[in-house]
PDB file of all heavy atoms in Angstrom:
ATOM      1  N   ILE A   1      12.666 -29.270 -15.263  1.00  0.00           N
ATOM      2  CA  ILE A   1      11.940 -30.540 -15.168  1.00  0.00           C
ATOM      3  C   ILE A   1      10.538 -30.379 -14.573  1.00  0.00           C
ATOM      4  O   ILE A   1       9.619 -31.094 -14.943  1.00  0.00           O
ATOM      5  CB  ILE A   1      12.786 -31.592 -14.386  1.00  0.00           C
ATOM      6  CG1 ILE A   1      12.218 -32.983 -14.583  1.00  0.00           C
ATOM      7  CG2 ILE A   1      12.870 -31.233 -12.947  1.00  0.00           C
ATOM      8  CD1 ILE A   1      12.473 -33.542 -15.963  1.00  0.00           C
ATOM      9  N   ALA A   2      10.364 -29.441 -13.672  1.00  0.00           N
ATOM     10  CA  ALA A   2       9.058 -29.268 -13.031  1.00  0.00           C
ATOM     11  C   ALA A   2       7.999 -28.865 -14.040  1.00  0.00           C
ATOM     12  O   ALA A   2       6.837 -29.258 -13.937  1.00  0.00           O
ATOM     13  CB  ALA A   2       9.154 -28.224 -11.938  1.00  0.00           C
ATOM     14  N   ASN A   3       8.366 -28.073 -15.048  1.00  0.00           N
ATOM     15  CA  ASN A   3       7.381 -27.621 -16.018  1.00  0.00           C
ATOM     16  C   ASN A   3       7.081 -28.719 -17.046  1.00  0.00           C
ATOM     17  O   ASN A   3       6.019 -28.679 -17.671  1.00  0.00           O
ATOM     18  CB  ASN A   3       7.928 -26.376 -16.751  1.00  0.00           C
ATOM     19  CG  ASN A   3       6.825 -25.476 -17.222  1.00  0.00           C
ATOM     20  OD1 ASN A   3       5.778 -25.384 -16.594  1.00  0.00           O
ATOM     21  ND2 ASN A   3       7.056 -24.773 -18.315  1.00  0.00           N
ATOM     22  N   LEU A   4       7.949 -29.693 -17.216  1.00  0.00           N
ATOM     23  CA  LEU A   4       7.691 -30.813 -18.165  1.00  0.00           C
ATOM     24  C   LEU A   4       6.514 -31.650 -17.723  1.00  0.00           C
ATOM     25  O   LEU A   4       5.746 -32.097 -18.545  1.00  0.00           O
ATOM     26  CB  LEU A   4       8.926 -31.678 -18.313  1.00  0.00           C
ATOM     27  CG  LEU A   4      10.077 -31.111 -19.113  1.00  0.00           C
ATOM     28  CD1 LEU A   4      11.255 -32.088 -19.063  1.00  0.00           C
ATOM     29  CD2 LEU A   4       9.674 -30.857 -20.540  1.00  0.00           C
ATOM     30  N   TRP A   5       6.398 -31.907 -16.432  1.00  0.00           N
ATOM     31  CA  TRP A   5       5.371 -32.824 -15.943  1.00  0.00           C
ATOM     32  C   TRP A   5       4.124 -32.090 -15.454  1.00  0.00           C
ATOM     33  O   TRP A   5       3.206 -32.725 -14.929  1.00  0.00           O
ATOM     34  CB  TRP A   5       5.962 -33.658 -14.828  1.00  0.00           C
ATOM     35  CG  TRP A   5       7.151 -34.425 -15.296  1.00  0.00           C
ATOM     36  CD1 TRP A   5       8.447 -34.215 -14.923  1.00  0.00           C
ATOM     37  CD2 TRP A   5       7.198 -35.489 -16.236  1.00  0.00           C
ATOM     38  NE1 TRP A   5       9.293 -35.060 -15.565  1.00  0.00           N
ATOM     39  CE2 TRP A   5       8.534 -35.865 -16.402  1.00  0.00           C
ATOM     40  CE3 TRP A   5       6.248 -36.130 -17.017  1.00  0.00           C
ATOM     41  CZ2 TRP A   5       8.942 -36.856 -17.275  1.00  0.00           C
ATOM     42  CZ3 TRP A   5       6.640 -37.151 -17.865  1.00  0.00           C
ATOM     43  CH2 TRP A   5       7.944 -37.495 -17.991  1.00  0.00           C
ATOM     44  N   ASN A   6       4.043 -30.840 -15.647  1.00  0.00           N
ATOM     45  CA  ASN A   6       2.901 -30.028 -15.225  1.00  0.00           C
ATOM     46  C   ASN A   6       1.799 -30.128 -16.272  1.00  0.00           C
ATOM     47  O   ASN A   6       2.068 -29.993 -17.463  1.00  0.00           O
ATOM     48  CB  ASN A   6       3.353 -28.561 -15.028  1.00  0.00           C
ATOM     49  CG  ASN A   6       2.348 -27.756 -14.296  1.00  0.00           C
ATOM     50  OD1 ASN A   6       1.184 -28.082 -14.223  1.00  0.00           O
ATOM     51  ND2 ASN A   6       2.820 -26.641 -13.763  1.00  0.00           N
ATOM     52  N   THR A   7       0.565 -30.337 -15.838  1.00  0.00           N
ATOM     53  CA  THR A   7      -0.542 -30.439 -16.775  1.00  0.00           C
ATOM     54  C   THR A   7      -0.965 -29.070 -17.327  1.00  0.00           C
ATOM     55  O   THR A   7      -1.674 -28.993 -18.346  1.00  0.00           O
ATOM     56  CB  THR A   7      -1.783 -31.113 -16.133  1.00  0.00           C
ATOM     57  OG1 THR A   7      -2.145 -30.383 -14.971  1.00  0.00           O
ATOM     58  CG2 THR A   7      -1.448 -32.542 -15.770  1.00  0.00           C
ATOM     59  N   SER A   8      -0.571 -27.987 -16.668  1.00  0.00           N
ATOM     60  CA  SER A   8      -0.861 -26.653 -17.171  1.00  0.00           C
ATOM     61  C   SER A   8       0.411 -25.821 -17.152  1.00  0.00           C
ATOM     62  O   SER A   8       0.619 -24.998 -16.246  1.00  0.00           O
ATOM     63  CB  SER A   8      -1.949 -25.985 -16.332  1.00  0.00           C
ATOM     64  OG  SER A   8      -1.574 -25.926 -14.988  1.00  0.00           O
ATOM     65  N   PRO A   9       1.317 -26.056 -18.105  1.00  0.00           N
ATOM     66  CA  PRO A   9       2.613 -25.354 -18.095  1.00  0.00           C
ATOM     67  C   PRO A   9       2.430 -23.825 -18.199  1.00  0.00           C
ATOM     68  O   PRO A   9       1.492 -23.343 -18.858  1.00  0.00           O
ATOM     69  CB  PRO A   9       3.342 -25.881 -19.303  1.00  0.00           C
ATOM     70  CG  PRO A   9       2.335 -26.591 -20.145  1.00  0.00           C
ATOM     71  CD  PRO A   9       1.168 -26.899 -19.260  1.00  0.00           C
ATOM     72  N   GLN A  10       3.276 -23.090 -17.516  1.00  0.00           N
ATOM     73  CA  GLN A  10       3.211 -21.623 -17.524  1.00  0.00           C
ATOM     74  C   GLN A  10       4.420 -21.081 -18.264  1.00  0.00           C
ATOM     75  O   GLN A  10       5.460 -21.717 -18.344  1.00  0.00           O
ATOM     76  CB  GLN A  10       3.195 -21.097 -16.099  1.00  0.00           C
ATOM     77  CG  GLN A  10       1.989 -21.491 -15.303  1.00  0.00           C
ATOM     78  CD  GLN A  10       2.068 -20.932 -13.895  1.00  0.00           C
ATOM     79  OE1 GLN A  10       3.152 -20.668 -13.364  1.00  0.00           O
ATOM     80  NE2 GLN A  10       0.927 -20.771 -13.251  1.00  0.00           N
ATOM     81  N   SER A  11       4.255 -19.869 -18.790  1.00  0.00           N
ATOM     82  CA  SER A  11       5.410 -19.211 -19.442  1.00  0.00           C
ATOM     83  C   SER A  11       6.105 -18.316 -18.425  1.00  0.00           C
ATOM     84  O   SER A  11       5.580 -18.020 -17.363  1.00  0.00           O
ATOM     85  CB  SER A  11       4.924 -18.412 -20.631  1.00  0.00           C
ATOM     86  OG  SER A  11       4.026 -17.401 -20.222  1.00  0.00           O
ATOM     87  N   SER A  12       7.288 -17.873 -18.777  1.00  0.00           N
ATOM     88  CA  SER A  12       8.035 -16.979 -17.916  1.00  0.00           C
ATOM     89  C   SER A  12       7.359 -15.638 -17.836  1.00  0.00           C
ATOM     90  O   SER A  12       6.725 -15.194 -18.787  1.00  0.00           O
ATOM     91  CB  SER A  12       9.468 -16.801 -18.471  1.00  0.00           C
ATOM     92  OG  SER A  12      10.203 -17.984 -18.299  1.00  0.00           O
ATOM     93  N   GLY A  13       7.535 -14.961 -16.708  1.00  0.00           N
ATOM     94  CA  GLY A  13       6.943 -13.670 -16.521  1.00  0.00           C
ATOM     95  C   GLY A  13       7.953 -12.530 -16.667  1.00  0.00           C
ATOM     96  O   GLY A  13       7.651 -11.391 -16.363  1.00  0.00           O
ATOM     97  N   GLY A  14       9.157 -12.835 -17.146  1.00  0.00           N
ATOM     98  CA  GLY A  14      10.176 -11.807 -17.329  1.00  0.00           C
ATOM     99  C   GLY A  14      11.381 -12.366 -18.019  1.00  0.00           C
ATOM    100  O   GLY A  14      11.384 -13.523 -18.476  1.00  0.00           O
ATOM    101  N   MET A  15      12.439 -11.567 -18.081  1.00  0.00           N
ATOM    102  CA  MET A  15      13.691 -12.018 -18.716  1.00  0.00           C
ATOM    103  C   MET A  15      14.864 -11.230 -18.189  1.00  0.00           C
ATOM    104  O   MET A  15      14.708 -10.146 -17.617  1.00  0.00           O
ATOM    105  CB  MET A  15      13.620 -11.885 -20.223  1.00  0.00           C
ATOM    106  CG  MET A  15      13.502 -10.499 -20.749  1.00  0.00           C
ATOM    107  SD  MET A  15      13.551 -10.291 -22.537  1.00  0.00           S
ATOM    108  CE  MET A  15      12.230 -11.341 -23.079  1.00  0.00           C
ATOM    109  N   THR A  16      16.063 -11.785 -18.388  1.00  0.00           N
ATOM    110  CA  THR A  16      17.291 -11.123 -17.983  1.00  0.00           C
ATOM    111  C   THR A  16      17.771 -10.262 -19.151  1.00  0.00           C
ATOM    112  O   THR A  16      17.878 -10.741 -20.275  1.00  0.00           O
ATOM    113  CB  THR A  16      18.385 -12.129 -17.616  1.00  0.00           C
ATOM    114  OG1 THR A  16      17.904 -12.918 -16.541  1.00  0.00           O
ATOM    115  CG2 THR A  16      19.669 -11.458 -17.229  1.00  0.00           C
ATOM    116  N   LEU A  17      18.011  -8.978 -18.882  1.00  0.00           N
ATOM    117  CA  LEU A  17      18.531  -8.063 -19.895  1.00  0.00           C
ATOM    118  C   LEU A  17      19.989  -7.763 -19.584  1.00  0.00           C
ATOM    119  O   LEU A  17      20.343  -7.517 -18.437  1.00  0.00           O
ATOM    120  CB  LEU A  17      17.725  -6.763 -19.897  1.00  0.00           C
ATOM    121  CG  LEU A  17      16.230  -6.882 -20.139  1.00  0.00           C
ATOM    122  CD1 LEU A  17      15.588  -5.502 -20.043  1.00  0.00           C
ATOM    123  CD2 LEU A  17      15.940  -7.508 -21.478  1.00  0.00           C
ATOM    124  N   GLU A  18      20.818  -7.762 -20.597  1.00  0.00           N
ATOM    125  CA  GLU A  18      22.221  -7.422 -20.450  1.00  0.00           C
ATOM    126  C   GLU A  18      22.430  -6.066 -21.062  1.00  0.00           C
ATOM    127  O   GLU A  18      22.100  -5.827 -22.247  1.00  0.00           O
ATOM    128  CB  GLU A  18      23.127  -8.459 -21.127  1.00  0.00           C
ATOM    129  CG  GLU A  18      24.588  -8.169 -20.925  1.00  0.00           C
ATOM    130  CD  GLU A  18      25.472  -9.239 -21.530  1.00  0.00           C
ATOM    131  OE1 GLU A  18      25.000 -10.360 -21.764  1.00  0.00           O
ATOM    132  OE2 GLU A  18      26.673  -8.940 -21.727  1.00  0.00           O
ATOM    133  N   PHE A  19      23.002  -5.123 -20.300  1.00  0.00           N
ATOM    134  CA  PHE A  19      23.221  -3.767 -20.777  1.00  0.00           C
ATOM    135  C   PHE A  19      24.631  -3.592 -21.301  1.00  0.00           C
ATOM    136  O   PHE A  19      25.503  -4.410 -21.060  1.00  0.00           O
ATOM    137  CB  PHE A  19      22.930  -2.764 -19.637  1.00  0.00           C
ATOM    138  CG  PHE A  19      21.478  -2.780 -19.206  1.00  0.00           C
ATOM    139  CD1 PHE A  19      21.052  -3.497 -18.128  1.00  0.00           C
ATOM    140  CD2 PHE A  19      20.544  -2.062 -19.925  1.00  0.00           C
ATOM    141  CE1 PHE A  19      19.745  -3.527 -17.749  1.00  0.00           C
ATOM    142  CE2 PHE A  19      19.209  -2.068 -19.568  1.00  0.00           C
ATOM    143  CZ  PHE A  19      18.797  -2.808 -18.468  1.00  0.00           C
ATOM    144  N   GLU A  20      24.815  -2.509 -22.054  1.00  0.00           N
ATOM    145  CA  GLU A  20      26.132  -2.274 -22.673  1.00  0.00           C
ATOM    146  C   GLU A  20      27.274  -2.132 -21.690  1.00  0.00           C
ATOM    147  O   GLU A  20      28.420  -2.381 -22.024  1.00  0.00           O
ATOM    148  CB  GLU A  20      26.063  -1.026 -23.574  1.00  0.00           C
ATOM    149  CG  GLU A  20      25.237  -1.265 -24.835  1.00  0.00           C
ATOM    150  CD  GLU A  20      25.226  -0.074 -25.763  1.00  0.00           C
ATOM    151  OE1 GLU A  20      25.919   0.927 -25.489  1.00  0.00           O
ATOM    152  OE2 GLU A  20      24.508  -0.171 -26.768  1.00  0.00           O
ATOM    153  N   ASP A  21      26.967  -1.731 -20.445  1.00  0.00           N
ATOM    154  CA  ASP A  21      28.022  -1.608 -19.426  1.00  0.00           C
ATOM    155  C   ASP A  21      28.413  -2.963 -18.841  1.00  0.00           C
ATOM    156  O   ASP A  21      29.273  -3.048 -17.954  1.00  0.00           O
ATOM    157  CB  ASP A  21      27.609  -0.615 -18.338  1.00  0.00           C
ATOM    158  CG  ASP A  21      26.420  -1.109 -17.510  1.00  0.00           C
ATOM    159  OD1 ASP A  21      25.917  -2.219 -17.759  1.00  0.00           O
ATOM    160  OD2 ASP A  21      26.016  -0.367 -16.594  1.00  0.00           O
ATOM    161  N   GLY A  22      27.785  -4.048 -19.313  1.00  0.00           N
ATOM    162  CA  GLY A  22      28.094  -5.396 -18.857  1.00  0.00           C
ATOM    163  C   GLY A  22      27.241  -5.887 -17.707  1.00  0.00           C
ATOM    164  O   GLY A  22      27.317  -7.033 -17.290  1.00  0.00           O
ATOM    165  N   SER A  23      26.364  -5.032 -17.162  1.00  0.00           N
ATOM    166  CA  SER A  23      25.498  -5.441 -16.063  1.00  0.00           C
ATOM    167  C   SER A  23      24.285  -6.218 -16.591  1.00  0.00           C
ATOM    168  O   SER A  23      23.904  -6.057 -17.744  1.00  0.00           O
ATOM    169  CB  SER A  23      25.025  -4.227 -15.272  1.00  0.00           C
ATOM    170  OG  SER A  23      24.221  -3.391 -16.068  1.00  0.00           O
ATOM    171  N   GLU A  24      23.749  -7.092 -15.751  1.00  0.00           N
ATOM    172  CA  GLU A  24      22.548  -7.842 -16.106  1.00  0.00           C
ATOM    173  C   GLU A  24      21.491  -7.638 -15.045  1.00  0.00           C
ATOM    174  O   GLU A  24      21.800  -7.543 -13.854  1.00  0.00           O
ATOM    175  CB  GLU A  24      22.888  -9.352 -16.157  1.00  0.00           C
ATOM    176  CG  GLU A  24      23.810  -9.729 -17.283  1.00  0.00           C
ATOM    177  CD  GLU A  24      24.061 -11.248 -17.320  1.00  0.00           C
ATOM    178  OE1 GLU A  24      23.588 -11.976 -16.415  1.00  0.00           O
ATOM    179  OE2 GLU A  24      24.710 -11.675 -18.279  1.00  0.00           O
ATOM    180  N   HIS A  25      20.259  -7.531 -15.486  1.00  0.00           N
ATOM    181  CA  HIS A  25      19.129  -7.343 -14.583  1.00  0.00           C
ATOM    182  C   HIS A  25      17.981  -8.216 -15.026  1.00  0.00           C
ATOM    183  O   HIS A  25      17.636  -8.237 -16.202  1.00  0.00           O
ATOM    184  CB  HIS A  25      18.671  -5.870 -14.567  1.00  0.00           C
ATOM    185  CG  HIS A  25      19.722  -4.926 -14.069  1.00  0.00           C
ATOM    186  ND1 HIS A  25      19.975  -4.755 -12.731  1.00  0.00           N
ATOM    187  CD2 HIS A  25      20.579  -4.154 -14.740  1.00  0.00           C
ATOM    188  CE1 HIS A  25      20.941  -3.861 -12.605  1.00  0.00           C
ATOM    189  NE2 HIS A  25      21.330  -3.486 -13.817  1.00  0.00           N
ATOM    190  N   PHE A  26      17.365  -8.938 -14.052  1.00  0.00           N
ATOM    191  CA  PHE A  26      16.166  -9.711 -14.342  1.00  0.00           C
ATOM    192  C   PHE A  26      14.971  -8.796 -14.076  1.00  0.00           C
ATOM    193  O   PHE A  26      14.843  -8.241 -12.973  1.00  0.00           O
ATOM    194  CB  PHE A  26      16.083 -10.958 -13.477  1.00  0.00           C
ATOM    195  CG  PHE A  26      14.869 -11.767 -13.775  1.00  0.00           C
ATOM    196  CD1 PHE A  26      14.828 -12.614 -14.872  1.00  0.00           C
ATOM    197  CD2 PHE A  26      13.722 -11.648 -12.978  1.00  0.00           C
ATOM    198  CE1 PHE A  26      13.684 -13.351 -15.163  1.00  0.00           C
ATOM    199  CE2 PHE A  26      12.576 -12.377 -13.280  1.00  0.00           C
ATOM    200  CZ  PHE A  26      12.557 -13.231 -14.363  1.00  0.00           C
ATOM    201  N   LEU A  27      14.111  -8.621 -15.066  1.00  0.00           N
ATOM    202  CA  LEU A  27      12.959  -7.744 -14.947  1.00  0.00           C
ATOM    203  C   LEU A  27      11.694  -8.457 -15.403  1.00  0.00           C
ATOM    204  O   LEU A  27      11.715  -9.234 -16.359  1.00  0.00           O
ATOM    205  CB  LEU A  27      13.150  -6.478 -15.802  1.00  0.00           C
ATOM    206  CG  LEU A  27      14.312  -5.575 -15.435  1.00  0.00           C
ATOM    207  CD1 LEU A  27      14.484  -4.502 -16.504  1.00  0.00           C
ATOM    208  CD2 LEU A  27      14.090  -4.949 -14.072  1.00  0.00           C
TER     209      LEU A  27
END
């Protein structure tokens, strides 16, 4: 909701990756 009302919306600077062993890491 905070990004909806922002006059200068920003994009994400990373993403969560899921590896074959089942672990997840945000990078």
